[in-house]
Amino acid sequence: MFSYTLRRMFSLIPVLIGMTLIVFAIIHAIPGNPAQVILGQRATREAVAALTQQLGLDRPWYIQYFDYLKALFHGDLGISLRTRGQINQEIWPYLAATIELTAVAMIIAVIVGVNAGIIS
């Protein structure tokens, strides 16, 4: 049983890397410049170029991706484009409600699943 669990845990690594790559690709496929969105339509080209460089959007995609992975590994979810605050700090107030909803959903799923298994 332990070896099965260990194999499943190791098979999770490529899945997580694949998912981060898909999310990263989707985010980069969205048209528009994030620096332009942050600064607004009336921003000068120089300001947009400076913010693009500050955010690291002028670097190749693969370097951006590895920086993204490194930040995720360290628990840094980045900066919100809308509020310019740390995403980690914006998530914390809602974490308790999320855990509570998840726990209740799991309890209901176990109760329904066990009863459905007994009936069948």
PDB file of N, CA and C in Angstrom:
ATOM      1  N   MET A   1       0.824  -1.196   0.000  1.00  0.00           N
ATOM      2  CA  MET A   1       0.000   0.000   0.000  1.00  0.00           C
ATOM      3  C   MET A   1       0.867   1.258   0.000  1.00  0.00           C
ATOM      4  N   PHE A   2       1.966   1.203   0.753  1.00  0.00           N
ATOM      5  CA  PHE A   2       2.847   2.359   0.822  1.00  0.00           C
ATOM      6  C   PHE A   2       3.482   2.636  -0.537  1.00  0.00           C
ATOM      7  N   SER A   3       3.905   1.581  -1.240  1.00  0.00           N
ATOM      8  CA  SER A   3       4.540   1.787  -2.547  1.00  0.00           C
ATOM      9  C   SER A   3       3.532   2.340  -3.561  1.00  0.00           C
ATOM     10  N   TYR A   4       2.287   1.905  -3.471  1.00  0.00           N
ATOM     11  CA  TYR A   4       1.245   2.428  -4.356  1.00  0.00           C
ATOM     12  C   TYR A   4       1.042   3.923  -4.106  1.00  0.00           C
ATOM     13  N   THR A   5       0.959   4.294  -2.839  1.00  0.00           N
ATOM     14  CA  THR A   5       0.786   5.705  -2.481  1.00  0.00           C
ATOM     15  C   THR A   5       1.977   6.526  -2.956  1.00  0.00           C
ATOM     16  N   LEU A   6       3.168   5.983  -2.790  1.00  0.00           N
ATOM     17  CA  LEU A   6       4.372   6.686  -3.220  1.00  0.00           C
ATOM     18  C   LEU A   6       4.387   6.870  -4.742  1.00  0.00           C
ATOM     19  N   ARG A   7       4.002   5.832  -5.488  1.00  0.00           N
ATOM     20  CA  ARG A   7       3.929   5.949  -6.946  1.00  0.00           C
ATOM     21  C   ARG A   7       2.909   6.999  -7.364  1.00  0.00           C
ATOM     22  N   ARG A   8       1.773   7.013  -6.704  1.00  0.00           N
ATOM     23  CA  ARG A   8       0.736   7.996  -7.036  1.00  0.00           C
ATOM     24  C   ARG A   8       1.212   9.422  -6.733  1.00  0.00           C
ATOM     25  N   MET A   9       1.943   9.577  -5.639  1.00  0.00           N
ATOM     26  CA  MET A   9       2.458  10.908  -5.295  1.00  0.00           C
ATOM     27  C   MET A   9       3.459  11.383  -6.348  1.00  0.00           C
ATOM     28  N   PHE A  10       4.330  10.479  -6.811  1.00  0.00           N
ATOM     29  CA  PHE A  10       5.302  10.865  -7.831  1.00  0.00           C
ATOM     30  C   PHE A  10       4.644  11.106  -9.182  1.00  0.00           C
ATOM     31  N   SER A  11       3.551  10.418  -9.466  1.00  0.00           N
ATOM     32  CA  SER A  11       2.857  10.665 -10.729  1.00  0.00           C
ATOM     33  C   SER A  11       2.102  11.994 -10.701  1.00  0.00           C
ATOM     34  N   LEU A  12       1.922  12.542  -9.524  1.00  0.00           N
ATOM     35  CA  LEU A  12       1.249  13.828  -9.390  1.00  0.00           C
ATOM     36  C   LEU A  12       2.137  14.980  -9.877  1.00  0.00           C
ATOM     37  N   ILE A  13       3.444  14.819  -9.788  1.00  0.00           N
ATOM     38  CA  ILE A  13       4.377  15.889 -10.154  1.00  0.00           C
ATOM     39  C   ILE A  13       4.235  16.300 -11.622  1.00  0.00           C
ATOM     40  N   PRO A  14       4.272  15.359 -12.595  1.00  0.00           N
ATOM     41  CA  PRO A  14       4.099  15.808 -13.984  1.00  0.00           C
ATOM     42  C   PRO A  14       2.720  16.404 -14.258  1.00  0.00           C
ATOM     43  N   VAL A  15       1.713  15.929 -13.552  1.00  0.00           N
ATOM     44  CA  VAL A  15       0.369  16.484 -13.735  1.00  0.00           C
ATOM     45  C   VAL A  15       0.346  17.944 -13.275  1.00  0.00           C
ATOM     46  N   LEU A  16       0.935  18.222 -12.124  1.00  0.00           N
ATOM     47  CA  LEU A  16       0.973  19.599 -11.623  1.00  0.00           C
ATOM     48  C   LEU A  16       1.784  20.508 -12.542  1.00  0.00           C
ATOM     49  N   ILE A  17       2.908  20.008 -13.036  1.00  0.00           N
ATOM     50  CA  ILE A  17       3.711  20.809 -13.958  1.00  0.00           C
ATOM     51  C   ILE A  17       2.927  21.065 -15.243  1.00  0.00           C
ATOM     52  N   GLY A  18       2.243  20.043 -15.736  1.00  0.00           N
ATOM     53  CA  GLY A  18       1.418  20.212 -16.935  1.00  0.00           C
ATOM     54  C   GLY A  18       0.307  21.223 -16.727  1.00  0.00           C
ATOM     55  N   MET A  19      -0.335  21.177 -15.573  1.00  0.00           N
ATOM     56  CA  MET A  19      -1.417  22.126 -15.293  1.00  0.00           C
ATOM     57  C   MET A  19      -0.888  23.557 -15.201  1.00  0.00           C
ATOM     58  N   THR A  20       0.265  23.741 -14.551  1.00  0.00           N
ATOM     59  CA  THR A  20       0.820  25.095 -14.480  1.00  0.00           C
ATOM     60  C   THR A  20       1.198  25.591 -15.867  1.00  0.00           C
ATOM     61  N   LEU A  21       1.690  24.686 -16.720  1.00  0.00           N
ATOM     62  CA  LEU A  21       2.043  25.080 -18.083  1.00  0.00           C
ATOM     63  C   LEU A  21       0.801  25.471 -18.877  1.00  0.00           C
ATOM     64  N   ILE A  22      -0.291  24.723 -18.700  1.00  0.00           N
ATOM     65  CA  ILE A  22      -1.539  25.052 -19.399  1.00  0.00           C
ATOM     66  C   ILE A  22      -2.081  26.403 -18.932  1.00  0.00           C
ATOM     67  N   VAL A  23      -2.102  26.619 -17.612  1.00  0.00           N
ATOM     68  CA  VAL A  23      -2.588  27.900 -17.079  1.00  0.00           C
ATOM     69  C   VAL A  23      -1.709  29.050 -17.575  1.00  0.00           C
ATOM     70  N   PHE A  24      -0.397  28.845 -17.537  1.00  0.00           N
ATOM     71  CA  PHE A  24       0.531  29.871 -18.007  1.00  0.00           C
ATOM     72  C   PHE A  24       0.292  30.182 -19.483  1.00  0.00           C
ATOM     73  N   ALA A  25       0.090  29.146 -20.299  1.00  0.00           N
ATOM     74  CA  ALA A  25      -0.139  29.346 -21.731  1.00  0.00           C
ATOM     75  C   ALA A  25      -1.453  30.076 -21.984  1.00  0.00           C
ATOM     76  N   ILE A  26      -2.492  29.724 -21.238  1.00  0.00           N
ATOM     77  CA  ILE A  26      -3.786  30.394 -21.416  1.00  0.00           C
ATOM     78  C   ILE A  26      -3.682  31.870 -21.042  1.00  0.00           C
ATOM     79  N   ILE A  27      -2.998  32.150 -19.934  1.00  0.00           N
ATOM     80  CA  ILE A  27      -2.843  33.541 -19.505  1.00  0.00           C
ATOM     81  C   ILE A  27      -2.073  34.342 -20.554  1.00  0.00           C
ATOM     82  N   HIS A  28      -1.048  33.740 -21.138  1.00  0.00           N
ATOM     83  CA  HIS A  28      -0.265  34.459 -22.142  1.00  0.00           C
ATOM     84  C   HIS A  28      -0.947  34.516 -23.503  1.00  0.00           C
ATOM     85  N   ALA A  29      -1.952  33.679 -23.724  1.00  0.00           N
ATOM     86  CA  ALA A  29      -2.677  33.704 -24.999  1.00  0.00           C
ATOM     87  C   ALA A  29      -3.748  34.791 -25.029  1.00  0.00           C
ATOM     88  N   ILE A  30      -4.095  35.320 -23.861  1.00  0.00           N
ATOM     89  CA  ILE A  30      -5.104  36.374 -23.795  1.00  0.00           C
ATOM     90  C   ILE A  30      -4.539  37.628 -24.468  1.00  0.00           C
ATOM     91  N   PRO A  31      -5.284  38.213 -25.395  1.00  0.00           N
ATOM     92  CA  PRO A  31      -4.760  39.396 -26.087  1.00  0.00           C
ATOM     93  C   PRO A  31      -4.672  40.603 -25.150  1.00  0.00           C
ATOM     94  N   GLY A  32      -3.738  41.456 -25.458  1.00  0.00           N
ATOM     95  CA  GLY A  32      -3.573  42.674 -24.670  1.00  0.00           C
ATOM     96  C   GLY A  32      -2.298  42.640 -23.850  1.00  0.00           C
ATOM     97  N   ASN A  33      -1.946  43.784 -23.336  1.00  0.00           N
ATOM     98  CA  ASN A  33      -0.744  43.946 -22.539  1.00  0.00           C
ATOM     99  C   ASN A  33      -1.160  44.193 -21.096  1.00  0.00           C
ATOM    100  N   PRO A  34      -0.734  43.346 -20.147  1.00  0.00           N
ATOM    101  CA  PRO A  34      -1.109  43.570 -18.747  1.00  0.00           C
ATOM    102  C   PRO A  34      -0.662  44.933 -18.221  1.00  0.00           C
ATOM    103  N   ALA A  35       0.476  45.416 -18.689  1.00  0.00           N
ATOM    104  CA  ALA A  35       0.942  46.737 -18.251  1.00  0.00           C
ATOM    105  C   ALA A  35      -0.021  47.823 -18.712  1.00  0.00           C
ATOM    106  N   GLN A  36      -0.553  47.679 -19.910  1.00  0.00           N
ATOM    107  CA  GLN A  36      -1.527  48.646 -20.426  1.00  0.00           C
ATOM    108  C   GLN A  36      -2.813  48.589 -19.609  1.00  0.00           C
ATOM    109  N   VAL A  37      -3.217  47.380 -19.208  1.00  0.00           N
ATOM    110  CA  VAL A  37      -4.429  47.219 -18.392  1.00  0.00           C
ATOM    111  C   VAL A  37      -4.244  47.878 -17.034  1.00  0.00           C
ATOM    112  N   ILE A  38      -3.085  47.695 -16.436  1.00  0.00           N
ATOM    113  CA  ILE A  38      -2.820  48.266 -15.114  1.00  0.00           C
ATOM    114  C   ILE A  38      -2.804  49.791 -15.176  1.00  0.00           C
ATOM    115  N   LEU A  39      -2.129  50.337 -16.165  1.00  0.00           N
ATOM    116  CA  LEU A  39      -1.952  51.789 -16.235  1.00  0.00           C
ATOM    117  C   LEU A  39      -3.134  52.518 -16.858  1.00  0.00           C
ATOM    118  N   GLY A  40      -3.953  51.814 -17.612  1.00  0.00           N
ATOM    119  CA  GLY A  40      -5.101  52.454 -18.247  1.00  0.00           C
ATOM    120  C   GLY A  40      -4.797  52.877 -19.671  1.00  0.00           C
ATOM    121  N   GLN A  41      -5.824  53.313 -20.364  1.00  0.00           N
ATOM    122  CA  GLN A  41      -5.707  53.656 -21.780  1.00  0.00           C
ATOM    123  C   GLN A  41      -4.921  54.947 -22.023  1.00  0.00           C
ATOM    124  N   ARG A  42      -4.852  55.807 -21.036  1.00  0.00           N
ATOM    125  CA  ARG A  42      -4.193  57.104 -21.232  1.00  0.00           C
ATOM    126  C   ARG A  42      -2.713  57.084 -20.864  1.00  0.00           C
ATOM    127  N   ALA A  43      -2.168  55.918 -20.586  1.00  0.00           N
ATOM    128  CA  ALA A  43      -0.761  55.817 -20.193  1.00  0.00           C
ATOM    129  C   ALA A  43       0.150  56.063 -21.393  1.00  0.00           C
ATOM    130  N   THR A  44       1.290  56.644 -21.107  1.00  0.00           N
ATOM    131  CA  THR A  44       2.267  56.894 -22.170  1.00  0.00           C
ATOM    132  C   THR A  44       2.979  55.593 -22.528  1.00  0.00           C
ATOM    133  N   ARG A  45       3.575  55.578 -23.706  1.00  0.00           N
ATOM    134  CA  ARG A  45       4.316  54.388 -24.150  1.00  0.00           C
ATOM    135  C   ARG A  45       5.501  54.110 -23.226  1.00  0.00           C
ATOM    136  N   GLU A  46       6.126  55.173 -22.730  1.00  0.00           N
ATOM    137  CA  GLU A  46       7.277  55.012 -21.844  1.00  0.00           C
ATOM    138  C   GLU A  46       6.861  54.360 -20.529  1.00  0.00           C
ATOM    139  N   ALA A  47       5.717  54.784 -19.992  1.00  0.00           N
ATOM    140  CA  ALA A  47       5.232  54.204 -18.738  1.00  0.00           C
ATOM    141  C   ALA A  47       4.871  52.735 -18.926  1.00  0.00           C
ATOM    142  N   VAL A  48       4.243  52.414 -20.052  1.00  0.00           N
ATOM    143  CA  VAL A  48       3.882  51.019 -20.334  1.00  0.00           C
ATOM    144  C   VAL A  48       5.143  50.181 -20.496  1.00  0.00           C
ATOM    145  N   ALA A  49       6.141  50.717 -21.197  1.00  0.00           N
ATOM    146  CA  ALA A  49       7.394  49.987 -21.395  1.00  0.00           C
ATOM    147  C   ALA A  49       8.113  49.769 -20.066  1.00  0.00           C
ATOM    148  N   ALA A  50       8.105  50.782 -19.195  1.00  0.00           N
ATOM    149  CA  ALA A  50       8.760  50.649 -17.893  1.00  0.00           C
ATOM    150  C   ALA A  50       8.071  49.599 -17.032  1.00  0.00           C
ATOM    151  N   LEU A  51       6.740  49.605 -17.012  1.00  0.00           N
ATOM    152  CA  LEU A  51       6.009  48.618 -16.218  1.00  0.00           C
ATOM    153  C   LEU A  51       6.156  47.217 -16.813  1.00  0.00           C
ATOM    154  N   THR A  52       6.197  47.119 -18.133  1.00  0.00           N
ATOM    155  CA  THR A  52       6.413  45.825 -18.784  1.00  0.00           C
ATOM    156  C   THR A  52       7.751  45.243 -18.358  1.00  0.00           C
ATOM    157  N   GLN A  53       8.772  46.092 -18.301  1.00  0.00           N
ATOM    158  CA  GLN A  53      10.090  45.628 -17.863  1.00  0.00           C
ATOM    159  C   GLN A  53      10.075  45.278 -16.380  1.00  0.00           C
ATOM    160  N   GLN A  54       9.402  46.082 -15.560  1.00  0.00           N
ATOM    161  CA  GLN A  54       9.331  45.823 -14.122  1.00  0.00           C
ATOM    162  C   GLN A  54       8.634  44.493 -13.834  1.00  0.00           C
ATOM    163  N   LEU A  55       7.589  44.177 -14.586  1.00  0.00           N
ATOM    164  CA  LEU A  55       6.860  42.924 -14.396  1.00  0.00           C
ATOM    165  C   LEU A  55       7.568  41.731 -15.034  1.00  0.00           C
ATOM    166  N   GLY A  56       8.595  41.991 -15.814  1.00  0.00           N
ATOM    167  CA  GLY A  56       9.334  40.916 -16.458  1.00  0.00           C
ATOM    168  C   GLY A  56       8.667  40.373 -17.701  1.00  0.00           C
ATOM    169  N   LEU A  57       7.742  41.135 -18.266  1.00  0.00           N
ATOM    170  CA  LEU A  57       7.009  40.665 -19.439  1.00  0.00           C
ATOM    171  C   LEU A  57       7.804  40.824 -20.727  1.00  0.00           C
ATOM    172  N   ASP A  58       8.967  41.469 -20.648  1.00  0.00           N
ATOM    173  CA  ASP A  58       9.797  41.638 -21.830  1.00  0.00           C
ATOM    174  C   ASP A  58      10.764  40.472 -22.026  1.00  0.00           C
ATOM    175  N   ARG A  59      10.803  39.560 -21.064  1.00  0.00           N
ATOM    176  CA  ARG A  59      11.690  38.398 -21.158  1.00  0.00           C
ATOM    177  C   ARG A  59      11.015  37.282 -21.948  1.00  0.00           C
ATOM    178  N   PRO A  60      11.791  36.306 -22.439  1.00  0.00           N
ATOM    179  CA  PRO A  60      11.187  35.177 -23.168  1.00  0.00           C
ATOM    180  C   PRO A  60      10.209  34.404 -22.291  1.00  0.00           C
ATOM    181  N   TRP A  61       9.237  33.747 -22.946  1.00  0.00           N
ATOM    182  CA  TRP A  61       8.165  33.059 -22.220  1.00  0.00           C
ATOM    183  C   TRP A  61       8.704  31.955 -21.319  1.00  0.00           C
ATOM    184  N   TYR A  62       9.734  31.236 -21.752  1.00  0.00           N
ATOM    185  CA  TYR A  62      10.229  30.127 -20.937  1.00  0.00           C
ATOM    186  C   TYR A  62      10.910  30.622 -19.668  1.00  0.00           C
ATOM    187  N   ILE A  63      11.548  31.769 -19.711  1.00  0.00           N
ATOM    188  CA  ILE A  63      12.135  32.346 -18.494  1.00  0.00           C
ATOM    189  C   ILE A  63      11.019  32.825 -17.571  1.00  0.00           C
ATOM    190  N   GLN A  64       9.989  33.442 -18.140  1.00  0.00           N
ATOM    191  CA  GLN A  64       8.835  33.852 -17.337  1.00  0.00           C
ATOM    192  C   GLN A  64       8.189  32.641 -16.673  1.00  0.00           C
ATOM    193  N   TYR A  65       8.088  31.525 -17.416  1.00  0.00           N
ATOM    194  CA  TYR A  65       7.459  30.315 -16.870  1.00  0.00           C
ATOM    195  C   TYR A  65       8.264  29.755 -15.707  1.00  0.00           C
ATOM    196  N   PHE A  66       9.585  29.673 -15.840  1.00  0.00           N
ATOM    197  CA  PHE A  66      10.394  29.136 -14.747  1.00  0.00           C
ATOM    198  C   PHE A  66      10.396  30.072 -13.543  1.00  0.00           C
ATOM    199  N   ASP A  67      10.342  31.377 -13.771  1.00  0.00           N
ATOM    200  CA  ASP A  67      10.190  32.316 -12.654  1.00  0.00           C
ATOM    201  C   ASP A  67       8.842  32.115 -11.966  1.00  0.00           C
ATOM    202  N   TYR A  68       7.808  31.863 -12.762  1.00  0.00           N
ATOM    203  CA  TYR A  68       6.457  31.586 -12.245  1.00  0.00           C
ATOM    204  C   TYR A  68       6.463  30.318 -11.390  1.00  0.00           C
ATOM    205  N   LEU A  69       7.121  29.251 -11.883  1.00  0.00           N
ATOM    206  CA  LEU A  69       7.209  28.006 -11.115  1.00  0.00           C
ATOM    207  C   LEU A  69       7.977  28.210  -9.813  1.00  0.00           C
ATOM    208  N   LYS A  70       9.083  28.951  -9.891  1.00  0.00           N
ATOM    209  CA  LYS A  70       9.889  29.201  -8.700  1.00  0.00           C
ATOM    210  C   LYS A  70       9.084  29.970  -7.658  1.00  0.00           C
ATOM    211  N   ALA A  71       8.340  30.967  -8.096  1.00  0.00           N
ATOM    212  CA  ALA A  71       7.513  31.743  -7.169  1.00  0.00           C
ATOM    213  C   ALA A  71       6.406  30.877  -6.570  1.00  0.00           C
ATOM    214  N   LEU A  72       5.771  30.022  -7.386  1.00  0.00           N
ATOM    215  CA  LEU A  72       4.736  29.123  -6.865  1.00  0.00           C
ATOM    216  C   LEU A  72       5.313  28.160  -5.842  1.00  0.00           C
ATOM    217  N   PHE A  73       6.511  27.644  -6.117  1.00  0.00           N
ATOM    218  CA  PHE A  73       7.159  26.711  -5.198  1.00  0.00           C
ATOM    219  C   PHE A  73       7.426  27.368  -3.847  1.00  0.00           C
ATOM    220  N   HIS A  74       7.706  28.660  -3.859  1.00  0.00           N
ATOM    221  CA  HIS A  74       7.954  29.396  -2.618  1.00  0.00           C
ATOM    222  C   HIS A  74       6.678  29.971  -2.008  1.00  0.00           C
ATOM    223  N   GLY A  75       5.530  29.711  -2.627  1.00  0.00           N
ATOM    224  CA  GLY A  75       4.258  30.168  -2.074  1.00  0.00           C
ATOM    225  C   GLY A  75       3.881  31.585  -2.448  1.00  0.00           C
ATOM    226  N   ASP A  76       4.582  32.162  -3.400  1.00  0.00           N
ATOM    227  CA  ASP A  76       4.280  33.526  -3.838  1.00  0.00           C
ATOM    228  C   ASP A  76       3.365  33.454  -5.050  1.00  0.00           C
ATOM    229  N   LEU A  77       2.126  33.884  -4.892  1.00  0.00           N
ATOM    230  CA  LEU A  77       1.169  33.836  -5.990  1.00  0.00           C
ATOM    231  C   LEU A  77       1.219  35.080  -6.862  1.00  0.00           C
ATOM    232  N   GLY A  78       2.033  36.042  -6.486  1.00  0.00           N
ATOM    233  CA  GLY A  78       2.212  37.225  -7.321  1.00  0.00           C
ATOM    234  C   GLY A  78       1.419  38.424  -6.841  1.00  0.00           C
ATOM    235  N   ILE A  79       1.302  39.389  -7.742  1.00  0.00           N
ATOM    236  CA  ILE A  79       0.632  40.653  -7.455  1.00  0.00           C
ATOM    237  C   ILE A  79      -0.631  40.730  -8.301  1.00  0.00           C
ATOM    238  N   SER A  80      -1.712  41.160  -7.684  1.00  0.00           N
ATOM    239  CA  SER A  80      -2.983  41.307  -8.389  1.00  0.00           C
ATOM    240  C   SER A  80      -2.887  42.451  -9.387  1.00  0.00           C
ATOM    241  N   LEU A  81      -3.348  42.209 -10.599  1.00  0.00           N
ATOM    242  CA  LEU A  81      -3.334  43.267 -11.601  1.00  0.00           C
ATOM    243  C   LEU A  81      -4.373  44.334 -11.301  1.00  0.00           C
ATOM    244  N   ARG A  82      -5.419  43.960 -10.572  1.00  0.00           N
ATOM    245  CA  ARG A  82      -6.505  44.898 -10.296  1.00  0.00           C
ATOM    246  C   ARG A  82      -6.196  45.779  -9.091  1.00  0.00           C
ATOM    247  N   THR A  83      -5.748  45.169  -7.989  1.00  0.00           N
ATOM    248  CA  THR A  83      -5.547  45.935  -6.756  1.00  0.00           C
ATOM    249  C   THR A  83      -4.088  46.270  -6.480  1.00  0.00           C
ATOM    250  N   ARG A  84      -3.167  45.651  -7.232  1.00  0.00           N
ATOM    251  CA  ARG A  84      -1.718  45.828  -7.045  1.00  0.00           C
ATOM    252  C   ARG A  84      -1.252  45.335  -5.684  1.00  0.00           C
ATOM    253  N   GLY A  85      -2.067  44.538  -4.984  1.00  0.00           N
ATOM    254  CA  GLY A  85      -1.676  43.953  -3.707  1.00  0.00           C
ATOM    255  C   GLY A  85      -1.246  42.508  -3.882  1.00  0.00           C
ATOM    256  N   GLN A  86      -0.621  41.964  -2.847  1.00  0.00           N
ATOM    257  CA  GLN A  86      -0.211  40.562  -2.880  1.00  0.00           C
ATOM    258  C   GLN A  86      -1.442  39.661  -2.908  1.00  0.00           C
ATOM    259  N   ILE A  87      -1.460  38.701  -3.823  1.00  0.00           N
ATOM    260  CA  ILE A  87      -2.598  37.794  -3.937  1.00  0.00           C
ATOM    261  C   ILE A  87      -2.729  36.948  -2.678  1.00  0.00           C
ATOM    262  N   ASN A  88      -1.601  36.556  -2.084  1.00  0.00           N
ATOM    263  CA  ASN A  88      -1.650  35.766  -0.844  1.00  0.00           C
ATOM    264  C   ASN A  88      -2.447  36.485   0.238  1.00  0.00           C
ATOM    265  N   GLN A  89      -2.222  37.777   0.394  1.00  0.00           N
ATOM    266  CA  GLN A  89      -2.916  38.539   1.428  1.00  0.00           C
ATOM    267  C   GLN A  89      -4.388  38.733   1.092  1.00  0.00           C
ATOM    268  N   GLU A  90      -4.730  38.746  -0.189  1.00  0.00           N
ATOM    269  CA  GLU A  90      -6.131  38.893  -0.577  1.00  0.00           C
ATOM    270  C   GLU A  90      -6.911  37.595  -0.388  1.00  0.00           C
ATOM    271  N   ILE A  91      -6.225  36.461  -0.428  1.00  0.00           N
ATOM    272  CA  ILE A  91      -6.884  35.161  -0.292  1.00  0.00           C
ATOM    273  C   ILE A  91      -7.177  34.824   1.168  1.00  0.00           C
ATOM    274  N   TRP A  92      -6.314  35.214   2.094  1.00  0.00           N
ATOM    275  CA  TRP A  92      -6.442  34.820   3.501  1.00  0.00           C
ATOM    276  C   TRP A  92      -7.816  35.073   4.117  1.00  0.00           C
ATOM    277  N   PRO A  93      -8.454  36.212   3.902  1.00  0.00           N
ATOM    278  CA  PRO A  93      -9.766  36.423   4.546  1.00  0.00           C
ATOM    279  C   PRO A  93     -10.829  35.418   4.114  1.00  0.00           C
ATOM    280  N   TYR A  94     -10.677  34.839   2.944  1.00  0.00           N
ATOM    281  CA  TYR A  94     -11.684  33.915   2.423  1.00  0.00           C
ATOM    282  C   TYR A  94     -11.320  32.452   2.650  1.00  0.00           C
ATOM    283  N   LEU A  95     -10.149  32.192   3.216  1.00  0.00           N
ATOM    284  CA  LEU A  95      -9.682  30.819   3.368  1.00  0.00           C
ATOM    285  C   LEU A  95     -10.525  30.023   4.355  1.00  0.00           C
ATOM    286  N   ALA A  96     -10.945  30.619   5.454  1.00  0.00           N
ATOM    287  CA  ALA A  96     -11.742  29.902   6.453  1.00  0.00           C
ATOM    288  C   ALA A  96     -13.071  29.436   5.863  1.00  0.00           C
ATOM    289  N   ALA A  97     -13.742  30.297   5.125  1.00  0.00           N
ATOM    290  CA  ALA A  97     -15.014  29.912   4.507  1.00  0.00           C
ATOM    291  C   ALA A  97     -14.803  28.825   3.461  1.00  0.00           C
ATOM    292  N   THR A  98     -13.707  28.894   2.728  1.00  0.00           N
ATOM    293  CA  THR A  98     -13.412  27.872   1.721  1.00  0.00           C
ATOM    294  C   THR A  98     -13.188  26.518   2.373  1.00  0.00           C
ATOM    295  N   ILE A  99     -12.433  26.491   3.459  1.00  0.00           N
ATOM    296  CA  ILE A  99     -12.180  25.232   4.171  1.00  0.00           C
ATOM    297  C   ILE A  99     -13.476  24.684   4.746  1.00  0.00           C
ATOM    298  N   GLU A 100     -14.302  25.550   5.295  1.00  0.00           N
ATOM    299  CA  GLU A 100     -15.583  25.117   5.855  1.00  0.00           C
ATOM    300  C   GLU A 100     -16.482  24.517   4.774  1.00  0.00           C
ATOM    301  N   LEU A 101     -16.604  25.177   3.639  1.00  0.00           N
ATOM    302  CA  LEU A 101     -17.418  24.653   2.544  1.00  0.00           C
ATOM    303  C   LEU A 101     -16.871  23.325   2.024  1.00  0.00           C
ATOM    304  N   THR A 102     -15.556  23.218   1.931  1.00  0.00           N
ATOM    305  CA  THR A 102     -14.942  21.973   1.466  1.00  0.00           C
ATOM    306  C   THR A 102     -15.218  20.837   2.433  1.00  0.00           C
ATOM    307  N   ALA A 103     -15.088  21.096   3.726  1.00  0.00           N
ATOM    308  CA  ALA A 103     -15.340  20.056   4.731  1.00  0.00           C
ATOM    309  C   ALA A 103     -16.792  19.592   4.689  1.00  0.00           C
ATOM    310  N   VAL A 104     -17.729  20.519   4.611  1.00  0.00           N
ATOM    311  CA  VAL A 104     -19.150  20.152   4.554  1.00  0.00           C
ATOM    312  C   VAL A 104     -19.439  19.351   3.285  1.00  0.00           C
ATOM    313  N   ALA A 105     -18.872  19.766   2.162  1.00  0.00           N
ATOM    314  CA  ALA A 105     -19.079  19.039   0.904  1.00  0.00           C
ATOM    315  C   ALA A 105     -18.509  17.627   0.986  1.00  0.00           C
ATOM    316  N   MET A 106     -17.355  17.472   1.614  1.00  0.00           N
ATOM    317  CA  MET A 106     -16.761  16.139   1.760  1.00  0.00           C
ATOM    318  C   MET A 106     -17.608  15.252   2.660  1.00  0.00           C
ATOM    319  N   ILE A 107     -18.126  15.807   3.739  1.00  0.00           N
ATOM    320  CA  ILE A 107     -18.980  15.027   4.644  1.00  0.00           C
ATOM    321  C   ILE A 107     -20.235  14.568   3.913  1.00  0.00           C
ATOM    322  N   ILE A 108     -20.867  15.468   3.180  1.00  0.00           N
ATOM    323  CA  ILE A 108     -22.070  15.102   2.420  1.00  0.00           C
ATOM    324  C   ILE A 108     -21.733  14.048   1.371  1.00  0.00           C
ATOM    325  N   ALA A 109     -20.600  14.198   0.687  1.00  0.00           N
ATOM    326  CA  ALA A 109     -20.205  13.231  -0.342  1.00  0.00           C
ATOM    327  C   ALA A 109     -19.963  11.852   0.255  1.00  0.00           C
ATOM    328  N   VAL A 110     -19.341  11.789   1.428  1.00  0.00           N
ATOM    329  CA  VAL A 110     -19.097  10.498   2.083  1.00  0.00           C
ATOM    330  C   VAL A 110     -20.413   9.867   2.506  1.00  0.00           C
ATOM    331  N   ILE A 111     -21.294  10.648   3.094  1.00  0.00           N
ATOM    332  CA  ILE A 111     -22.589  10.105   3.543  1.00  0.00           C
ATOM    333  C   ILE A 111     -23.384   9.573   2.352  1.00  0.00           C
ATOM    334  N   VAL A 112     -23.494  10.367   1.297  1.00  0.00           N
ATOM    335  CA  VAL A 112     -24.247   9.937   0.116  1.00  0.00           C
ATOM    336  C   VAL A 112     -23.559   8.747  -0.550  1.00  0.00           C
ATOM    337  N   GLY A 113     -22.238   8.785  -0.663  1.00  0.00           N
ATOM    338  CA  GLY A 113     -21.504   7.704  -1.319  1.00  0.00           C
ATOM    339  C   GLY A 113     -21.605   6.385  -0.579  1.00  0.00           C
ATOM    340  N   VAL A 114     -21.462   6.419   0.738  1.00  0.00           N
ATOM    341  CA  VAL A 114     -21.563   5.188   1.530  1.00  0.00           C
ATOM    342  C   VAL A 114     -22.976   4.629   1.445  1.00  0.00           C
ATOM    343  N   ASN A 115     -23.972   5.475   1.592  1.00  0.00           N
ATOM    344  CA  ASN A 115     -25.358   5.003   1.508  1.00  0.00           C
ATOM    345  C   ASN A 115     -25.681   4.461   0.117  1.00  0.00           C
ATOM    346  N   ALA A 116     -25.200   5.117  -0.922  1.00  0.00           N
ATOM    347  CA  ALA A 116     -25.433   4.611  -2.279  1.00  0.00           C
ATOM    348  C   ALA A 116     -24.742   3.268  -2.481  1.00  0.00           C
ATOM    349  N   GLY A 117     -23.558   3.108  -1.905  1.00  0.00           N
ATOM    350  CA  GLY A 117     -22.854   1.835  -1.998  1.00  0.00           C
ATOM    351  C   GLY A 117     -23.566   0.729  -1.248  1.00  0.00           C
ATOM    352  N   ILE A 118     -24.120   1.038  -0.093  1.00  0.00           N
ATOM    353  CA  ILE A 118     -24.856   0.038   0.691  1.00  0.00           C
ATOM    354  C   ILE A 118     -26.128  -0.367  -0.039  1.00  0.00           C
ATOM    355  N   ILE A 119     -26.842   0.599  -0.597  1.00  0.00           N
ATOM    356  CA  ILE A 119     -28.103   0.312  -1.288  1.00  0.00           C
ATOM    357  C   ILE A 119     -27.855  -0.515  -2.552  1.00  0.00           C
ATOM    358  N   SER A 120     -26.795  -0.219  -3.262  1.00  0.00           N
ATOM    359  CA  SER A 120     -26.557  -0.950  -4.509  1.00  0.00           C
ATOM    360  C   SER A 120     -26.006  -2.313  -4.191  1.00  0.00           C
TER     361      SER A 120
END
